[in-house]
Amino acid sequence: WDDDEPRKRSLGIREKKILYERAGHKCQACHKEIDFFEMQVRHKKTHAKGVNATLSNTVCICYKCN
């Protein structure tokens, strides 16, 4: 509560593209090949626990796995 900066809840388009490339264009849960526009981003540690959305705290997943 004493932190003046808002927490970052989502990745920007540039970061999403990097995440997608790192995942090899596949869902990191079921390993199905997915299109960039059907990709969803999931946090490894939830935002509710005070963790920001960063490339190291997110994974690329498909709609079904989300």
N, C-alpha and C. Protein backbone atom coordinates (compact mmCIF):
# COMPACT_ATOMS: atom_id res chain seq x y z
N TRP A 1 0.82 -1.20 0.00
CA TRP A 1 0.00 0.00 0.00
C TRP A 1 0.85 1.25 0.00
N ASP A 2 2.07 1.15 0.47
CA ASP A 2 2.92 2.34 0.50
C ASP A 2 3.68 2.55 -0.80
N ASP A 3 3.45 1.68 -1.78
CA ASP A 3 4.11 1.78 -3.08
C ASP A 3 3.28 2.66 -4.01
N ASP A 4 3.88 3.72 -4.53
CA ASP A 4 3.15 4.65 -5.40
C ASP A 4 3.00 4.16 -6.83
N GLU A 5 3.88 3.24 -7.26
CA GLU A 5 3.82 2.75 -8.63
C GLU A 5 2.80 1.63 -8.77
N PRO A 6 1.93 1.72 -9.81
CA PRO A 6 0.98 0.62 -10.02
C PRO A 6 1.71 -0.63 -10.51
N ARG A 7 1.20 -1.77 -10.16
CA ARG A 7 1.80 -3.04 -10.59
C ARG A 7 1.40 -3.31 -12.03
N LYS A 8 2.34 -3.90 -12.77
CA LYS A 8 2.11 -4.22 -14.17
C LYS A 8 1.37 -5.55 -14.28
N ARG A 9 0.14 -5.52 -14.83
CA ARG A 9 -0.70 -6.71 -14.90
C ARG A 9 -0.55 -7.49 -16.19
N SER A 10 -0.10 -6.85 -17.27
CA SER A 10 -0.01 -7.55 -18.55
C SER A 10 1.23 -7.12 -19.32
N LEU A 11 1.57 -7.92 -20.34
CA LEU A 11 2.73 -7.63 -21.18
C LEU A 11 2.32 -6.73 -22.34
N GLY A 12 3.26 -5.96 -22.84
CA GLY A 12 3.04 -5.17 -24.04
C GLY A 12 3.18 -6.07 -25.27
N ILE A 13 2.85 -5.56 -26.43
CA ILE A 13 2.88 -6.34 -27.67
C ILE A 13 4.30 -6.84 -27.97
N ARG A 14 5.31 -6.03 -27.73
CA ARG A 14 6.71 -6.44 -27.98
C ARG A 14 7.08 -7.62 -27.09
N GLU A 15 6.72 -7.53 -25.82
CA GLU A 15 7.03 -8.61 -24.88
C GLU A 15 6.26 -9.89 -25.23
N LYS A 16 5.02 -9.74 -25.69
CA LYS A 16 4.23 -10.91 -26.10
C LYS A 16 4.87 -11.62 -27.29
N LYS A 17 5.40 -10.83 -28.23
CA LYS A 17 6.07 -11.43 -29.39
C LYS A 17 7.33 -12.19 -28.95
N ILE A 18 8.08 -11.64 -28.01
CA ILE A 18 9.27 -12.31 -27.49
C ILE A 18 8.86 -13.61 -26.80
N LEU A 19 7.83 -13.56 -25.98
CA LEU A 19 7.34 -14.74 -25.28
C LEU A 19 6.91 -15.82 -26.26
N TYR A 20 6.21 -15.42 -27.30
CA TYR A 20 5.73 -16.35 -28.34
C TYR A 20 6.90 -17.02 -29.06
N GLU A 21 7.91 -16.25 -29.40
CA GLU A 21 9.10 -16.80 -30.07
C GLU A 21 9.85 -17.76 -29.15
N ARG A 22 10.00 -17.38 -27.88
CA ARG A 22 10.69 -18.25 -26.91
C ARG A 22 9.97 -19.59 -26.74
N ALA A 23 8.64 -19.57 -26.85
CA ALA A 23 7.85 -20.79 -26.69
C ALA A 23 7.84 -21.63 -27.95
N GLY A 24 8.47 -21.15 -29.00
CA GLY A 24 8.53 -21.91 -30.25
C GLY A 24 7.19 -22.03 -30.95
N HIS A 25 6.33 -21.00 -30.75
CA HIS A 25 5.01 -20.93 -31.36
C HIS A 25 4.09 -22.03 -30.85
N LYS A 26 4.36 -22.52 -29.64
CA LYS A 26 3.56 -23.61 -29.06
C LYS A 26 3.06 -23.24 -27.68
N CYS A 27 1.94 -23.85 -27.30
CA CYS A 27 1.40 -23.72 -25.95
C CYS A 27 2.38 -24.41 -25.00
N GLN A 28 2.75 -23.75 -23.94
CA GLN A 28 3.71 -24.32 -23.01
C GLN A 28 3.06 -25.30 -22.02
N ALA A 29 1.75 -25.50 -22.14
CA ALA A 29 1.06 -26.48 -21.30
C ALA A 29 0.81 -27.78 -22.06
N CYS A 30 0.19 -27.67 -23.25
CA CYS A 30 -0.16 -28.88 -24.01
C CYS A 30 0.75 -29.10 -25.22
N HIS A 31 1.62 -28.15 -25.52
CA HIS A 31 2.61 -28.22 -26.61
C HIS A 31 1.99 -28.22 -28.01
N LYS A 32 0.73 -27.80 -28.12
CA LYS A 32 0.06 -27.66 -29.41
C LYS A 32 0.57 -26.40 -30.11
N GLU A 33 0.80 -26.48 -31.41
CA GLU A 33 1.20 -25.31 -32.18
C GLU A 33 0.05 -24.32 -32.22
N ILE A 34 0.34 -23.04 -31.93
CA ILE A 34 -0.70 -22.02 -31.93
C ILE A 34 -0.27 -20.80 -32.73
N ASP A 35 -1.23 -20.06 -33.20
CA ASP A 35 -1.01 -18.81 -33.91
C ASP A 35 -0.79 -17.70 -32.87
N PHE A 36 -0.04 -16.67 -33.23
CA PHE A 36 0.24 -15.58 -32.29
C PHE A 36 -1.05 -14.96 -31.76
N PHE A 37 -2.05 -14.81 -32.62
CA PHE A 37 -3.28 -14.14 -32.22
C PHE A 37 -4.20 -14.99 -31.35
N GLU A 38 -3.95 -16.30 -31.27
CA GLU A 38 -4.72 -17.14 -30.36
C GLU A 38 -3.96 -17.42 -29.06
N MET A 39 -2.73 -16.93 -28.98
CA MET A 39 -1.92 -17.10 -27.78
C MET A 39 -2.49 -16.30 -26.62
N GLN A 40 -2.43 -16.88 -25.44
CA GLN A 40 -2.79 -16.17 -24.23
C GLN A 40 -1.60 -16.21 -23.30
N VAL A 41 -1.52 -15.23 -22.43
CA VAL A 41 -0.41 -15.12 -21.49
C VAL A 41 -0.90 -15.48 -20.10
N ARG A 42 -0.15 -16.32 -19.43
CA ARG A 42 -0.52 -16.74 -18.08
C ARG A 42 0.64 -16.47 -17.14
N HIS A 43 0.33 -15.99 -15.95
CA HIS A 43 1.35 -15.74 -14.94
C HIS A 43 1.77 -17.04 -14.27
N LYS A 44 3.05 -17.17 -13.98
CA LYS A 44 3.54 -18.30 -13.19
C LYS A 44 3.15 -18.08 -11.73
N LYS A 45 3.42 -16.89 -11.22
CA LYS A 45 2.99 -16.47 -9.88
C LYS A 45 1.97 -15.36 -10.08
N THR A 46 0.85 -15.46 -9.41
CA THR A 46 -0.27 -14.55 -9.67
C THR A 46 0.00 -13.10 -9.29
N HIS A 47 -0.69 -12.23 -9.99
CA HIS A 47 -0.61 -10.81 -9.73
C HIS A 47 -1.13 -10.50 -8.32
N ALA A 48 -2.10 -11.28 -7.86
CA ALA A 48 -2.67 -11.08 -6.53
C ALA A 48 -1.62 -11.25 -5.42
N LYS A 49 -0.57 -12.00 -5.71
CA LYS A 49 0.50 -12.20 -4.73
C LYS A 49 1.57 -11.12 -4.83
N GLY A 50 1.27 -10.08 -5.62
CA GLY A 50 2.18 -8.95 -5.71
C GLY A 50 3.27 -9.07 -6.74
N VAL A 51 3.13 -10.00 -7.68
CA VAL A 51 4.16 -10.21 -8.69
C VAL A 51 3.74 -9.53 -10.00
N ASN A 52 4.62 -8.78 -10.60
CA ASN A 52 4.35 -8.09 -11.86
C ASN A 52 4.40 -9.04 -13.05
N ALA A 53 3.79 -8.62 -14.15
CA ALA A 53 3.86 -9.36 -15.41
C ALA A 53 5.20 -9.04 -16.06
N THR A 54 6.06 -10.03 -16.12
CA THR A 54 7.36 -9.90 -16.76
C THR A 54 7.58 -11.12 -17.63
N LEU A 55 8.55 -11.09 -18.50
CA LEU A 55 8.84 -12.24 -19.35
C LEU A 55 9.24 -13.46 -18.52
N SER A 56 9.88 -13.24 -17.40
CA SER A 56 10.29 -14.38 -16.57
C SER A 56 9.16 -14.93 -15.71
N ASN A 57 8.06 -14.20 -15.60
CA ASN A 57 6.94 -14.65 -14.77
C ASN A 57 5.71 -15.02 -15.60
N THR A 58 5.85 -15.17 -16.90
CA THR A 58 4.71 -15.50 -17.76
C THR A 58 5.04 -16.66 -18.69
N VAL A 59 3.98 -17.33 -19.14
CA VAL A 59 4.12 -18.41 -20.11
C VAL A 59 3.10 -18.21 -21.23
N CYS A 60 3.41 -18.77 -22.37
CA CYS A 60 2.56 -18.72 -23.56
C CYS A 60 1.66 -19.95 -23.54
N ILE A 61 0.33 -19.75 -23.55
CA ILE A 61 -0.58 -20.88 -23.55
C ILE A 61 -1.72 -20.66 -24.54
N CYS A 62 -2.41 -21.73 -24.86
CA CYS A 62 -3.56 -21.65 -25.77
C CYS A 62 -4.83 -21.35 -24.96
N TYR A 63 -5.88 -21.02 -25.67
CA TYR A 63 -7.15 -20.67 -25.03
C TYR A 63 -7.66 -21.83 -24.18
N LYS A 64 -7.56 -23.04 -24.69
CA LYS A 64 -8.07 -24.21 -23.99
C LYS A 64 -7.35 -24.44 -22.66
N CYS A 65 -6.06 -24.23 -22.63
CA CYS A 65 -5.28 -24.45 -21.40
C CYS A 65 -5.43 -23.31 -20.40
N ASN A 66 -5.86 -22.16 -20.87
CA ASN A 66 -6.06 -21.03 -19.97
C ASN A 66 -7.36 -21.20 -19.21
